[in-house]
Amino acid sequence: MRHERALGHLDDMVRVADQVARHIADLSFEAFAADPKTIDAVMMNVVALGEAASRIPAELRWRAPHIPWSEIVALRNVIAHDYFGVRHDVLWETAKTEIPALREALVAFASRLASGGYDDGV
C-alpha cells in the first residue's frame, strides 16, 4: 500500500482522539479541572496526537488543508515544553469540541487516502 505509514499515523490519531473522548466522557468542566489524573491523561494524548500529526508527510498534509496540522503540532509543543502553563479551560475546550471534529476529519482523510483518492503522483 502506497501510504501505509501515513495511514498508520492517521489511525494512531483517531485512536488517541477516541481515548480523549473516553477520558472526559460524563465529566463537567469542574470535575475535569479537579482531576489531575484526567488532565494528565488528556495532555499526554494531545502530545501523542501532535507527534503523530508531525509524522504525516507534508505532501499529504496539503491534501487536507481543513485539518489544522501545524496547530496540532504546536499544541503538542506547548504542552511538552510549558506543561505547567497549560490552561485547563483551553485543554477542556480542545478535548470537548475540537478533538471530536478533528477525529471526523481524520477518518474521512484516511478513508480517501486508503481508497487511492490521492494517487495522482503524490
PDB file of N, CA and C in Angstrom:
ATOM      1  N   MET A   1       0.839  -1.174   0.000  1.00  0.00           N
ATOM      2  CA  MET A   1       0.000   0.000   0.000  1.00  0.00           C
ATOM      3  C   MET A   1       0.889   1.243   0.000  1.00  0.00           C
ATOM      4  N   ARG A   2       0.564   2.158  -0.846  1.00  0.00           N
ATOM      5  CA  ARG A   2       1.407   3.325  -1.082  1.00  0.00           C
ATOM      6  C   ARG A   2       1.588   4.227   0.139  1.00  0.00           C
ATOM      7  N   HIS A   3       0.540   4.461   0.892  1.00  0.00           N
ATOM      8  CA  HIS A   3       0.588   5.406   2.010  1.00  0.00           C
ATOM      9  C   HIS A   3       0.434   4.688   3.361  1.00  0.00           C
ATOM     10  N   GLU A   4       0.987   3.504   3.442  1.00  0.00           N
ATOM     11  CA  GLU A   4       0.794   2.678   4.636  1.00  0.00           C
ATOM     12  C   GLU A   4       1.252   3.376   5.919  1.00  0.00           C
ATOM     13  N   ARG A   5       2.417   3.988   5.882  1.00  0.00           N
ATOM     14  CA  ARG A   5       2.924   4.672   7.091  1.00  0.00           C
ATOM     15  C   ARG A   5       2.010   5.814   7.514  1.00  0.00           C
ATOM     16  N   ALA A   6       1.617   6.633   6.554  1.00  0.00           N
ATOM     17  CA  ALA A   6       0.731   7.759   6.866  1.00  0.00           C
ATOM     18  C   ALA A   6      -0.599   7.254   7.412  1.00  0.00           C
ATOM     19  N   LEU A   7      -1.114   6.196   6.821  1.00  0.00           N
ATOM     20  CA  LEU A   7      -2.365   5.624   7.316  1.00  0.00           C
ATOM     21  C   LEU A   7      -2.213   5.113   8.743  1.00  0.00           C
ATOM     22  N   GLY A   8      -1.058   4.553   9.053  1.00  0.00           N
ATOM     23  CA  GLY A   8      -0.798   4.120  10.425  1.00  0.00           C
ATOM     24  C   GLY A   8      -0.811   5.286  11.400  1.00  0.00           C
ATOM     25  N   HIS A   9      -0.208   6.403  11.004  1.00  0.00           N
ATOM     26  CA  HIS A   9      -0.197   7.586  11.862  1.00  0.00           C
ATOM     27  C   HIS A   9      -1.599   8.182  11.994  1.00  0.00           C
ATOM     28  N   LEU A  10      -2.356   8.179  10.913  1.00  0.00           N
ATOM     29  CA  LEU A  10      -3.737   8.658  10.987  1.00  0.00           C
ATOM     30  C   LEU A  10      -4.565   7.769  11.900  1.00  0.00           C
ATOM     31  N   ASP A  11      -4.357   6.462  11.819  1.00  0.00           N
ATOM     32  CA  ASP A  11      -5.049   5.535  12.715  1.00  0.00           C
ATOM     33  C   ASP A  11      -4.673   5.816  14.169  1.00  0.00           C
ATOM     34  N   ASP A  12      -3.406   6.089  14.419  1.00  0.00           N
ATOM     35  CA  ASP A  12      -2.970   6.447  15.774  1.00  0.00           C
ATOM     36  C   ASP A  12      -3.708   7.694  16.255  1.00  0.00           C
ATOM     37  N   MET A  13      -3.837   8.670  15.379  1.00  0.00           N
ATOM     38  CA  MET A  13      -4.512   9.910  15.755  1.00  0.00           C
ATOM     39  C   MET A  13      -5.979   9.673  16.083  1.00  0.00           C
ATOM     40  N   VAL A  14      -6.637   8.835  15.319  1.00  0.00           N
ATOM     41  CA  VAL A  14      -8.043   8.520  15.586  1.00  0.00           C
ATOM     42  C   VAL A  14      -8.176   7.787  16.919  1.00  0.00           C
ATOM     43  N   ARG A  15      -7.281   6.834  17.169  1.00  0.00           N
ATOM     44  CA  ARG A  15      -7.330   6.099  18.445  1.00  0.00           C
ATOM     45  C   ARG A  15      -7.097   7.030  19.628  1.00  0.00           C
ATOM     46  N   VAL A  16      -6.183   7.978  19.478  1.00  0.00           N
ATOM     47  CA  VAL A  16      -5.918   8.945  20.545  1.00  0.00           C
ATOM     48  C   VAL A  16      -7.147   9.835  20.768  1.00  0.00           C
ATOM     49  N   ALA A  17      -7.774  10.275  19.698  1.00  0.00           N
ATOM     50  CA  ALA A  17      -8.992  11.083  19.828  1.00  0.00           C
ATOM     51  C   ALA A  17     -10.066  10.302  20.578  1.00  0.00           C
ATOM     52  N   ASP A  18     -10.177   9.016  20.290  1.00  0.00           N
ATOM     53  CA  ASP A  18     -11.141   8.172  20.998  1.00  0.00           C
ATOM     54  C   ASP A  18     -10.791   8.063  22.484  1.00  0.00           C
ATOM     55  N   GLN A  19      -9.500   7.966  22.790  1.00  0.00           N
ATOM     56  CA  GLN A  19      -9.073   7.902  24.186  1.00  0.00           C
ATOM     57  C   GLN A  19      -9.429   9.183  24.915  1.00  0.00           C
ATOM     58  N   VAL A  20      -9.216  10.320  24.283  1.00  0.00           N
ATOM     59  CA  VAL A  20      -9.569  11.593  24.909  1.00  0.00           C
ATOM     60  C   VAL A  20     -11.068  11.613  25.212  1.00  0.00           C
ATOM     61  N   ALA A  21     -11.870  11.182  24.261  1.00  0.00           N
ATOM     62  CA  ALA A  21     -13.325  11.152  24.465  1.00  0.00           C
ATOM     63  C   ALA A  21     -13.687  10.270  25.658  1.00  0.00           C
ATOM     64  N   ARG A  22     -13.029   9.134  25.786  1.00  0.00           N
ATOM     65  CA  ARG A  22     -13.308   8.252  26.929  1.00  0.00           C
ATOM     66  C   ARG A  22     -12.881   8.898  28.248  1.00  0.00           C
ATOM     67  N   HIS A  23     -11.757   9.604  28.227  1.00  0.00           N
ATOM     68  CA  HIS A  23     -11.266  10.240  29.459  1.00  0.00           C
ATOM     69  C   HIS A  23     -12.221  11.303  29.985  1.00  0.00           C
ATOM     70  N   ILE A  24     -12.880  12.011  29.102  1.00  0.00           N
ATOM     71  CA  ILE A  24     -13.727  13.118  29.553  1.00  0.00           C
ATOM     72  C   ILE A  24     -15.214  12.809  29.508  1.00  0.00           C
ATOM     73  N   ALA A  25     -15.565  11.607  29.087  1.00  0.00           N
ATOM     74  CA  ALA A  25     -16.977  11.243  28.999  1.00  0.00           C
ATOM     75  C   ALA A  25     -17.651  11.444  30.356  1.00  0.00           C
ATOM     76  N   ASP A  26     -18.811  12.038  30.325  1.00  0.00           N
ATOM     77  CA  ASP A  26     -19.636  12.234  31.523  1.00  0.00           C
ATOM     78  C   ASP A  26     -19.031  13.181  32.552  1.00  0.00           C
ATOM     79  N   LEU A  27     -18.001  13.932  32.177  1.00  0.00           N
ATOM     80  CA  LEU A  27     -17.419  14.894  33.112  1.00  0.00           C
ATOM     81  C   LEU A  27     -17.905  16.302  32.781  1.00  0.00           C
ATOM     82  N   SER A  28     -18.086  17.095  33.806  1.00  0.00           N
ATOM     83  CA  SER A  28     -18.272  18.533  33.631  1.00  0.00           C
ATOM     84  C   SER A  28     -16.882  19.162  33.621  1.00  0.00           C
ATOM     85  N   PHE A  29     -16.813  20.426  33.251  1.00  0.00           N
ATOM     86  CA  PHE A  29     -15.530  21.102  33.299  1.00  0.00           C
ATOM     87  C   PHE A  29     -14.991  21.118  34.728  1.00  0.00           C
ATOM     88  N   GLU A  30     -15.864  21.343  35.676  1.00  0.00           N
ATOM     89  CA  GLU A  30     -15.437  21.417  37.074  1.00  0.00           C
ATOM     90  C   GLU A  30     -14.828  20.092  37.527  1.00  0.00           C
ATOM     91  N   ALA A  31     -15.452  18.984  37.167  1.00  0.00           N
ATOM     92  CA  ALA A  31     -14.925  17.662  37.535  1.00  0.00           C
ATOM     93  C   ALA A  31     -13.592  17.413  36.834  1.00  0.00           C
ATOM     94  N   PHE A  32     -13.510  17.806  35.565  1.00  0.00           N
ATOM     95  CA  PHE A  32     -12.264  17.662  34.817  1.00  0.00           C
ATOM     96  C   PHE A  32     -11.150  18.462  35.481  1.00  0.00           C
ATOM     97  N   ALA A  33     -11.405  19.734  35.767  1.00  0.00           N
ATOM     98  CA  ALA A  33     -10.394  20.631  36.324  1.00  0.00           C
ATOM     99  C   ALA A  33      -9.934  20.190  37.715  1.00  0.00           C
ATOM    100  N   ALA A  34     -10.764  19.430  38.404  1.00  0.00           N
ATOM    101  CA  ALA A  34     -10.421  18.968  39.756  1.00  0.00           C
ATOM    102  C   ALA A  34      -9.734  17.603  39.749  1.00  0.00           C
ATOM    103  N   ASP A  35      -9.527  17.027  38.576  1.00  0.00           N
ATOM    104  CA  ASP A  35      -8.973  15.669  38.494  1.00  0.00           C
ATOM    105  C   ASP A  35      -7.625  15.679  37.772  1.00  0.00           C
ATOM    106  N   PRO A  36      -6.525  15.775  38.514  1.00  0.00           N
ATOM    107  CA  PRO A  36      -5.208  15.856  37.866  1.00  0.00           C
ATOM    108  C   PRO A  36      -4.864  14.640  37.016  1.00  0.00           C
ATOM    109  N   LYS A  37      -5.368  13.472  37.362  1.00  0.00           N
ATOM    110  CA  LYS A  37      -5.072  12.283  36.552  1.00  0.00           C
ATOM    111  C   LYS A  37      -5.705  12.404  35.166  1.00  0.00           C
ATOM    112  N   THR A  38      -6.921  12.895  35.121  1.00  0.00           N
ATOM    113  CA  THR A  38      -7.588  13.060  33.825  1.00  0.00           C
ATOM    114  C   THR A  38      -6.918  14.160  33.019  1.00  0.00           C
ATOM    115  N   ILE A  39      -6.557  15.242  33.669  1.00  0.00           N
ATOM    116  CA  ILE A  39      -5.848  16.324  32.978  1.00  0.00           C
ATOM    117  C   ILE A  39      -4.548  15.786  32.390  1.00  0.00           C
ATOM    118  N   ASP A  40      -3.790  15.052  33.190  1.00  0.00           N
ATOM    119  CA  ASP A  40      -2.527  14.479  32.694  1.00  0.00           C
ATOM    120  C   ASP A  40      -2.772  13.524  31.527  1.00  0.00           C
ATOM    121  N   ALA A  41      -3.800  12.700  31.635  1.00  0.00           N
ATOM    122  CA  ALA A  41      -4.099  11.744  30.565  1.00  0.00           C
ATOM    123  C   ALA A  41      -4.457  12.467  29.270  1.00  0.00           C
ATOM    124  N   VAL A  42      -5.277  13.492  29.372  1.00  0.00           N
ATOM    125  CA  VAL A  42      -5.669  14.238  28.180  1.00  0.00           C
ATOM    126  C   VAL A  42      -4.454  14.949  27.584  1.00  0.00           C
ATOM    127  N   MET A  43      -3.640  15.559  28.440  1.00  0.00           N
ATOM    128  CA  MET A  43      -2.443  16.231  27.921  1.00  0.00           C
ATOM    129  C   MET A  43      -1.515  15.243  27.222  1.00  0.00           C
ATOM    130  N   MET A  44      -1.319  14.087  27.800  1.00  0.00           N
ATOM    131  CA  MET A  44      -0.442  13.092  27.172  1.00  0.00           C
ATOM    132  C   MET A  44      -1.005  12.656  25.824  1.00  0.00           C
ATOM    133  N   ASN A  45      -2.307  12.513  25.749  1.00  0.00           N
ATOM    134  CA  ASN A  45      -2.927  12.133  24.481  1.00  0.00           C
ATOM    135  C   ASN A  45      -2.820  13.241  23.448  1.00  0.00           C
ATOM    136  N   VAL A  46      -2.905  14.486  23.866  1.00  0.00           N
ATOM    137  CA  VAL A  46      -2.741  15.598  22.925  1.00  0.00           C
ATOM    138  C   VAL A  46      -1.300  15.645  22.429  1.00  0.00           C
ATOM    139  N   VAL A  47      -0.353  15.346  23.306  1.00  0.00           N
ATOM    140  CA  VAL A  47       1.050  15.254  22.875  1.00  0.00           C
ATOM    141  C   VAL A  47       1.199  14.147  21.825  1.00  0.00           C
ATOM    142  N   ALA A  48       0.594  12.993  22.084  1.00  0.00           N
ATOM    143  CA  ALA A  48       0.668  11.880  21.131  1.00  0.00           C
ATOM    144  C   ALA A  48      -0.002  12.246  19.807  1.00  0.00           C
ATOM    145  N   LEU A  49      -1.104  12.968  19.887  1.00  0.00           N
ATOM    146  CA  LEU A  49      -1.799  13.415  18.681  1.00  0.00           C
ATOM    147  C   LEU A  49      -0.889  14.309  17.841  1.00  0.00           C
ATOM    148  N   GLY A  50      -0.219  15.241  18.495  1.00  0.00           N
ATOM    149  CA  GLY A  50       0.693  16.138  17.786  1.00  0.00           C
ATOM    150  C   GLY A  50       1.903  15.428  17.224  1.00  0.00           C
ATOM    151  N   GLU A  51       2.392  14.452  17.962  1.00  0.00           N
ATOM    152  CA  GLU A  51       3.549  13.684  17.478  1.00  0.00           C
ATOM    153  C   GLU A  51       3.173  12.905  16.218  1.00  0.00           C
ATOM    154  N   ALA A  52       2.015  12.269  16.236  1.00  0.00           N
ATOM    155  CA  ALA A  52       1.565  11.533  15.048  1.00  0.00           C
ATOM    156  C   ALA A  52       1.318  12.487  13.882  1.00  0.00           C
ATOM    157  N   ALA A  53       0.738  13.650  14.156  1.00  0.00           N
ATOM    158  CA  ALA A  53       0.487  14.631  13.092  1.00  0.00           C
ATOM    159  C   ALA A  53       1.785  15.083  12.447  1.00  0.00           C
ATOM    160  N   SER A  54       2.824  15.228  13.255  1.00  0.00           N
ATOM    161  CA  SER A  54       4.106  15.682  12.712  1.00  0.00           C
ATOM    162  C   SER A  54       4.736  14.652  11.778  1.00  0.00           C
ATOM    163  N   ARG A  55       4.269  13.427  11.849  1.00  0.00           N
ATOM    164  CA  ARG A  55       4.820  12.361  11.019  1.00  0.00           C
ATOM    165  C   ARG A  55       4.063  12.151   9.708  1.00  0.00           C
ATOM    166  N   ILE A  56       2.987  12.900   9.514  1.00  0.00           N
ATOM    167  CA  ILE A  56       2.278  12.846   8.237  1.00  0.00           C
ATOM    168  C   ILE A  56       3.102  13.671   7.242  1.00  0.00           C
ATOM    169  N   PRO A  57       3.504  13.062   6.133  1.00  0.00           N
ATOM    170  CA  PRO A  57       4.339  13.794   5.173  1.00  0.00           C
ATOM    171  C   PRO A  57       3.654  15.065   4.655  1.00  0.00           C
ATOM    172  N   ALA A  58       4.448  16.102   4.480  1.00  0.00           N
ATOM    173  CA  ALA A  58       3.930  17.390   4.001  1.00  0.00           C
ATOM    174  C   ALA A  58       3.184  17.241   2.682  1.00  0.00           C
ATOM    175  N   GLU A  59       3.658  16.335   1.825  1.00  0.00           N
ATOM    176  CA  GLU A  59       2.997  16.171   0.519  1.00  0.00           C
ATOM    177  C   GLU A  59       1.596  15.578   0.655  1.00  0.00           C
ATOM    178  N   LEU A  60       1.285  15.017   1.822  1.00  0.00           N
ATOM    179  CA  LEU A  60      -0.082  14.555   2.067  1.00  0.00           C
ATOM    180  C   LEU A  60      -0.875  15.569   2.885  1.00  0.00           C
ATOM    181  N   ARG A  61      -0.214  16.262   3.781  1.00  0.00           N
ATOM    182  CA  ARG A  61      -0.907  17.251   4.622  1.00  0.00           C
ATOM    183  C   ARG A  61      -1.613  18.314   3.786  1.00  0.00           C
ATOM    184  N   TRP A  62      -0.973  18.737   2.726  1.00  0.00           N
ATOM    185  CA  TRP A  62      -1.594  19.797   1.938  1.00  0.00           C
ATOM    186  C   TRP A  62      -2.862  19.320   1.248  1.00  0.00           C
ATOM    187  N   ARG A  63      -3.051  17.985   1.165  1.00  0.00           N
ATOM    188  CA  ARG A  63      -4.272  17.419   0.582  1.00  0.00           C
ATOM    189  C   ARG A  63      -5.475  17.594   1.499  1.00  0.00           C
ATOM    190  N   ALA A  64      -5.211  17.892   2.764  1.00  0.00           N
ATOM    191  CA  ALA A  64      -6.293  18.072   3.736  1.00  0.00           C
ATOM    192  C   ALA A  64      -6.085  19.387   4.485  1.00  0.00           C
ATOM    193  N   PRO A  65      -6.235  20.513   3.787  1.00  0.00           N
ATOM    194  CA  PRO A  65      -5.976  21.806   4.424  1.00  0.00           C
ATOM    195  C   PRO A  65      -6.971  22.149   5.532  1.00  0.00           C
ATOM    196  N   HIS A  66      -8.103  21.457   5.563  1.00  0.00           N
ATOM    197  CA  HIS A  66      -9.096  21.683   6.614  1.00  0.00           C
ATOM    198  C   HIS A  66      -8.662  21.079   7.955  1.00  0.00           C
ATOM    199  N   ILE A  67      -7.641  20.231   7.925  1.00  0.00           N
ATOM    200  CA  ILE A  67      -7.084  19.683   9.164  1.00  0.00           C
ATOM    201  C   ILE A  67      -5.962  20.617   9.609  1.00  0.00           C
ATOM    202  N   PRO A  68      -6.043  21.137  10.810  1.00  0.00           N
ATOM    203  CA  PRO A  68      -5.054  22.133  11.256  1.00  0.00           C
ATOM    204  C   PRO A  68      -3.747  21.486  11.714  1.00  0.00           C
ATOM    205  N   TRP A  69      -2.999  20.938  10.774  1.00  0.00           N
ATOM    206  CA  TRP A  69      -1.791  20.178  11.084  1.00  0.00           C
ATOM    207  C   TRP A  69      -0.812  20.962  11.957  1.00  0.00           C
ATOM    208  N   SER A  70      -0.494  22.171  11.546  1.00  0.00           N
ATOM    209  CA  SER A  70       0.511  22.926  12.290  1.00  0.00           C
ATOM    210  C   SER A  70       0.014  23.312  13.679  1.00  0.00           C
ATOM    211  N   GLU A  71      -1.284  23.560  13.826  1.00  0.00           N
ATOM    212  CA  GLU A  71      -1.830  23.885  15.138  1.00  0.00           C
ATOM    213  C   GLU A  71      -1.795  22.671  16.062  1.00  0.00           C
ATOM    214  N   ILE A  72      -2.029  21.491  15.506  1.00  0.00           N
ATOM    215  CA  ILE A  72      -1.976  20.259  16.301  1.00  0.00           C
ATOM    216  C   ILE A  72      -0.554  20.057  16.828  1.00  0.00           C
ATOM    217  N   VAL A  73       0.416  20.222  15.966  1.00  0.00           N
ATOM    218  CA  VAL A  73       1.821  20.069  16.371  1.00  0.00           C
ATOM    219  C   VAL A  73       2.210  21.171  17.347  1.00  0.00           C
ATOM    220  N   ALA A  74       1.742  22.383  17.113  1.00  0.00           N
ATOM    221  CA  ALA A  74       2.065  23.497  18.010  1.00  0.00           C
ATOM    222  C   ALA A  74       1.504  23.260  19.412  1.00  0.00           C
ATOM    223  N   LEU A  75       0.291  22.729  19.494  1.00  0.00           N
ATOM    224  CA  LEU A  75      -0.283  22.444  20.809  1.00  0.00           C
ATOM    225  C   LEU A  75       0.517  21.362  21.520  1.00  0.00           C
ATOM    226  N   ARG A  76       0.966  20.386  20.772  1.00  0.00           N
ATOM    227  CA  ARG A  76       1.837  19.357  21.341  1.00  0.00           C
ATOM    228  C   ARG A  76       3.080  20.002  21.948  1.00  0.00           C
ATOM    229  N   ASN A  77       3.673  20.940  21.222  1.00  0.00           N
ATOM    230  CA  ASN A  77       4.879  21.604  21.696  1.00  0.00           C
ATOM    231  C   ASN A  77       4.622  22.449  22.939  1.00  0.00           C
ATOM    232  N   VAL A  78       3.488  23.124  22.974  1.00  0.00           N
ATOM    233  CA  VAL A  78       3.132  23.919  24.155  1.00  0.00           C
ATOM    234  C   VAL A  78       3.025  23.018  25.377  1.00  0.00           C
ATOM    235  N   ILE A  79       2.317  21.912  25.233  1.00  0.00           N
ATOM    236  CA  ILE A  79       2.138  21.010  26.372  1.00  0.00           C
ATOM    237  C   ILE A  79       3.470  20.400  26.785  1.00  0.00           C
ATOM    238  N   ALA A  80       4.255  19.971  25.829  1.00  0.00           N
ATOM    239  CA  ALA A  80       5.531  19.319  26.140  1.00  0.00           C
ATOM    240  C   ALA A  80       6.540  20.272  26.769  1.00  0.00           C
ATOM    241  N   HIS A  81       6.493  21.541  26.381  1.00  0.00           N
ATOM    242  CA  HIS A  81       7.523  22.480  26.820  1.00  0.00           C
ATOM    243  C   HIS A  81       7.051  23.503  27.851  1.00  0.00           C
ATOM    244  N   ASP A  82       5.738  23.630  28.019  1.00  0.00           N
ATOM    245  CA  ASP A  82       5.193  24.570  29.004  1.00  0.00           C
ATOM    246  C   ASP A  82       4.070  23.892  29.774  1.00  0.00           C
ATOM    247  N   TYR A  83       4.346  22.694  30.225  1.00  0.00           N
ATOM    248  CA  TYR A  83       3.359  21.838  30.884  1.00  0.00           C
ATOM    249  C   TYR A  83       2.562  22.588  31.946  1.00  0.00           C
ATOM    250  N   PHE A  84       3.248  23.324  32.803  1.00  0.00           N
ATOM    251  CA  PHE A  84       2.580  23.997  33.911  1.00  0.00           C
ATOM    252  C   PHE A  84       1.849  25.264  33.479  1.00  0.00           C
ATOM    253  N   GLY A  85       2.065  25.684  32.252  1.00  0.00           N
ATOM    254  CA  GLY A  85       1.379  26.863  31.746  1.00  0.00           C
ATOM    255  C   GLY A  85       0.102  26.554  30.980  1.00  0.00           C
ATOM    256  N   VAL A  86      -0.221  25.287  30.836  1.00  0.00           N
ATOM    257  CA  VAL A  86      -1.418  24.900  30.082  1.00  0.00           C
ATOM    258  C   VAL A  86      -2.663  25.269  30.878  1.00  0.00           C
ATOM    259  N   ARG A  87      -3.534  26.014  30.239  1.00  0.00           N
ATOM    260  CA  ARG A  87      -4.797  26.411  30.889  1.00  0.00           C
ATOM    261  C   ARG A  87      -5.801  25.277  30.757  1.00  0.00           C
ATOM    262  N   HIS A  88      -6.393  24.915  31.874  1.00  0.00           N
ATOM    263  CA  HIS A  88      -7.330  23.797  31.884  1.00  0.00           C
ATOM    264  C   HIS A  88      -8.574  24.077  31.054  1.00  0.00           C
ATOM    265  N   ASP A  89      -9.019  25.331  31.026  1.00  0.00           N
ATOM    266  CA  ASP A  89     -10.206  25.647  30.232  1.00  0.00           C
ATOM    267  C   ASP A  89      -9.939  25.483  28.733  1.00  0.00           C
ATOM    268  N   VAL A  90      -8.735  25.832  28.305  1.00  0.00           N
ATOM    269  CA  VAL A  90      -8.371  25.663  26.889  1.00  0.00           C
ATOM    270  C   VAL A  90      -8.243  24.174  26.559  1.00  0.00           C
ATOM    271  N   LEU A  91      -7.611  23.422  27.447  1.00  0.00           N
ATOM    272  CA  LEU A  91      -7.481  21.978  27.240  1.00  0.00           C
ATOM    273  C   LEU A  91      -8.853  21.318  27.186  1.00  0.00           C
ATOM    274  N   TRP A  92      -9.755  21.721  28.079  1.00  0.00           N
ATOM    275  CA  TRP A  92     -11.113  21.179  28.107  1.00  0.00           C
ATOM    276  C   TRP A  92     -11.836  21.465  26.794  1.00  0.00           C
ATOM    277  N   GLU A  93     -11.791  22.695  26.349  1.00  0.00           N
ATOM    278  CA  GLU A  93     -12.473  23.065  25.106  1.00  0.00           C
ATOM    279  C   GLU A  93     -11.898  22.303  23.917  1.00  0.00           C
ATOM    280  N   THR A  94     -10.598  22.143  23.906  1.00  0.00           N
ATOM    281  CA  THR A  94      -9.946  21.369  22.851  1.00  0.00           C
ATOM    282  C   THR A  94     -10.436  19.925  22.876  1.00  0.00           C
ATOM    283  N   ALA A  95     -10.456  19.338  24.063  1.00  0.00           N
ATOM    284  CA  ALA A  95     -10.866  17.936  24.202  1.00  0.00           C
ATOM    285  C   ALA A  95     -12.346  17.736  23.901  1.00  0.00           C
ATOM    286  N   LYS A  96     -13.161  18.670  24.321  1.00  0.00           N
ATOM    287  CA  LYS A  96     -14.611  18.523  24.208  1.00  0.00           C
ATOM    288  C   LYS A  96     -15.137  18.868  22.811  1.00  0.00           C
ATOM    289  N   THR A  97     -14.517  19.842  22.156  1.00  0.00           N
ATOM    290  CA  THR A  97     -15.060  20.356  20.897  1.00  0.00           C
ATOM    291  C   THR A  97     -14.160  20.074  19.695  1.00  0.00           C
ATOM    292  N   GLU A  98     -12.907  20.464  19.810  1.00  0.00           N
ATOM    293  CA  GLU A  98     -12.026  20.412  18.646  1.00  0.00           C
ATOM    294  C   GLU A  98     -11.564  18.992  18.301  1.00  0.00           C
ATOM    295  N   ILE A  99     -11.258  18.196  19.294  1.00  0.00           N
ATOM    296  CA  ILE A  99     -10.764  16.844  19.003  1.00  0.00           C
ATOM    297  C   ILE A  99     -11.843  15.960  18.369  1.00  0.00           C
ATOM    298  N   PRO A 100     -13.102  16.000  18.832  1.00  0.00           N
ATOM    299  CA  PRO A 100     -14.114  15.202  18.125  1.00  0.00           C
ATOM    300  C   PRO A 100     -14.293  15.609  16.656  1.00  0.00           C
ATOM    301  N   ALA A 101     -14.256  16.908  16.387  1.00  0.00           N
ATOM    302  CA  ALA A 101     -14.364  17.363  14.990  1.00  0.00           C
ATOM    303  C   ALA A 101     -13.136  16.935  14.195  1.00  0.00           C
ATOM    304  N   LEU A 102     -11.984  17.026  14.826  1.00  0.00           N
ATOM    305  CA  LEU A 102     -10.745  16.578  14.182  1.00  0.00           C
ATOM    306  C   LEU A 102     -10.830  15.096  13.856  1.00  0.00           C
ATOM    307  N   ARG A 103     -11.348  14.311  14.779  1.00  0.00           N
ATOM    308  CA  ARG A 103     -11.462  12.862  14.559  1.00  0.00           C
ATOM    309  C   ARG A 103     -12.234  12.570  13.279  1.00  0.00           C
ATOM    310  N   GLU A 104     -13.349  13.248  13.101  1.00  0.00           N
ATOM    311  CA  GLU A 104     -14.165  13.015  11.907  1.00  0.00           C
ATOM    312  C   GLU A 104     -13.400  13.377  10.636  1.00  0.00           C
ATOM    313  N   ALA A 105     -12.666  14.477  10.677  1.00  0.00           N
ATOM    314  CA  ALA A 105     -11.873  14.882   9.510  1.00  0.00           C
ATOM    315  C   ALA A 105     -10.762  13.872   9.226  1.00  0.00           C
ATOM    316  N   LEU A 106     -10.149  13.342  10.278  1.00  0.00           N
ATOM    317  CA  LEU A 106      -9.079  12.352  10.105  1.00  0.00           C
ATOM    318  C   LEU A 106      -9.611  11.060   9.501  1.00  0.00           C
ATOM    319  N   VAL A 107     -10.777  10.625   9.971  1.00  0.00           N
ATOM    320  CA  VAL A 107     -11.386   9.397   9.433  1.00  0.00           C
ATOM    321  C   VAL A 107     -11.672   9.564   7.942  1.00  0.00           C
ATOM    322  N   ALA A 108     -12.234  10.705   7.566  1.00  0.00           N
ATOM    323  CA  ALA A 108     -12.549  10.950   6.155  1.00  0.00           C
ATOM    324  C   ALA A 108     -11.273  11.012   5.312  1.00  0.00           C
ATOM    325  N   PHE A 109     -10.254  11.685   5.820  1.00  0.00           N
ATOM    326  CA  PHE A 109      -8.988  11.792   5.102  1.00  0.00           C
ATOM    327  C   PHE A 109      -8.351  10.415   4.936  1.00  0.00           C
ATOM    328  N   ALA A 110      -8.317   9.630   6.003  1.00  0.00           N
ATOM    329  CA  ALA A 110      -7.721   8.291   5.945  1.00  0.00           C
ATOM    330  C   ALA A 110      -8.483   7.393   4.983  1.00  0.00           C
ATOM    331  N   SER A 111      -9.792   7.503   4.998  1.00  0.00           N
ATOM    332  CA  SER A 111     -10.608   6.684   4.096  1.00  0.00           C
ATOM    333  C   SER A 111     -10.305   7.016   2.635  1.00  0.00           C
ATOM    334  N   ARG A 112     -10.228   8.296   2.343  1.00  0.00           N
ATOM    335  CA  ARG A 112      -9.925   8.691   0.962  1.00  0.00           C
ATOM    336  C   ARG A 112      -8.507   8.276   0.574  1.00  0.00           C
ATOM    337  N   LEU A 113      -7.578   8.437   1.490  1.00  0.00           N
ATOM    338  CA  LEU A 113      -6.194   8.056   1.222  1.00  0.00           C
ATOM    339  C   LEU A 113      -6.089   6.546   0.989  1.00  0.00           C
ATOM    340  N   ALA A 114      -6.765   5.764   1.817  1.00  0.00           N
ATOM    341  CA  ALA A 114      -6.719   4.306   1.699  1.00  0.00           C
ATOM    342  C   ALA A 114      -7.360   3.820   0.401  1.00  0.00           C
ATOM    343  N   SER A 115      -8.347   4.546  -0.075  1.00  0.00           N
ATOM    344  CA  SER A 115      -9.040   4.115  -1.305  1.00  0.00           C
ATOM    345  C   SER A 115      -8.320   4.584  -2.563  1.00  0.00           C
ATOM    346  N   GLY A 116      -7.178   5.247  -2.403  1.00  0.00           N
ATOM    347  CA  GLY A 116      -6.439   5.715  -3.561  1.00  0.00           C
ATOM    348  C   GLY A 116      -6.902   7.054  -4.078  1.00  0.00           C
ATOM    349  N   GLY A 117      -7.685   7.761  -3.288  1.00  0.00           N
ATOM    350  CA  GLY A 117      -8.236   9.040  -3.710  1.00  0.00           C
ATOM    351  C   GLY A 117      -7.211  10.130  -3.941  1.00  0.00           C
ATOM    352  N   TYR A 118      -5.992   9.913  -3.506  1.00  0.00           N
ATOM    353  CA  TYR A 118      -4.944  10.914  -3.698  1.00  0.00           C
ATOM    354  C   TYR A 118      -3.793  10.358  -4.542  1.00  0.00           C
ATOM    355  N   ASP A 119      -4.010   9.291  -5.246  1.00  0.00           N
ATOM    356  CA  ASP A 119      -2.937   8.671  -6.024  1.00  0.00           C
ATOM    357  C   ASP A 119      -2.804   9.314  -7.407  1.00  0.00           C
ATOM    358  N   ASP A 120      -2.416  10.552  -7.396  1.00  0.00           N
ATOM    359  CA  ASP A 120      -2.203  11.258  -8.666  1.00  0.00           C
ATOM    360  C   ASP A 120      -0.757  11.716  -8.775  1.00  0.00           C
ATOM    361  N   GLY A 121       0.130  10.853  -8.326  1.00  0.00           N
ATOM    362  CA  GLY A 121       1.539  11.171  -8.436  1.00  0.00           C
ATOM    363  C   GLY A 121       2.182  11.598  -7.132  1.00  0.00           C
ATOM    364  N   VAL A 122       1.390  11.775  -6.097  1.00  0.00           N
ATOM    365  CA  VAL A 122       1.933  12.178  -4.796  1.00  0.00           C
ATOM    366  C   VAL A 122       1.968  11.005  -3.870  1.00  0.00           C
TER     367      VAL A 122
END
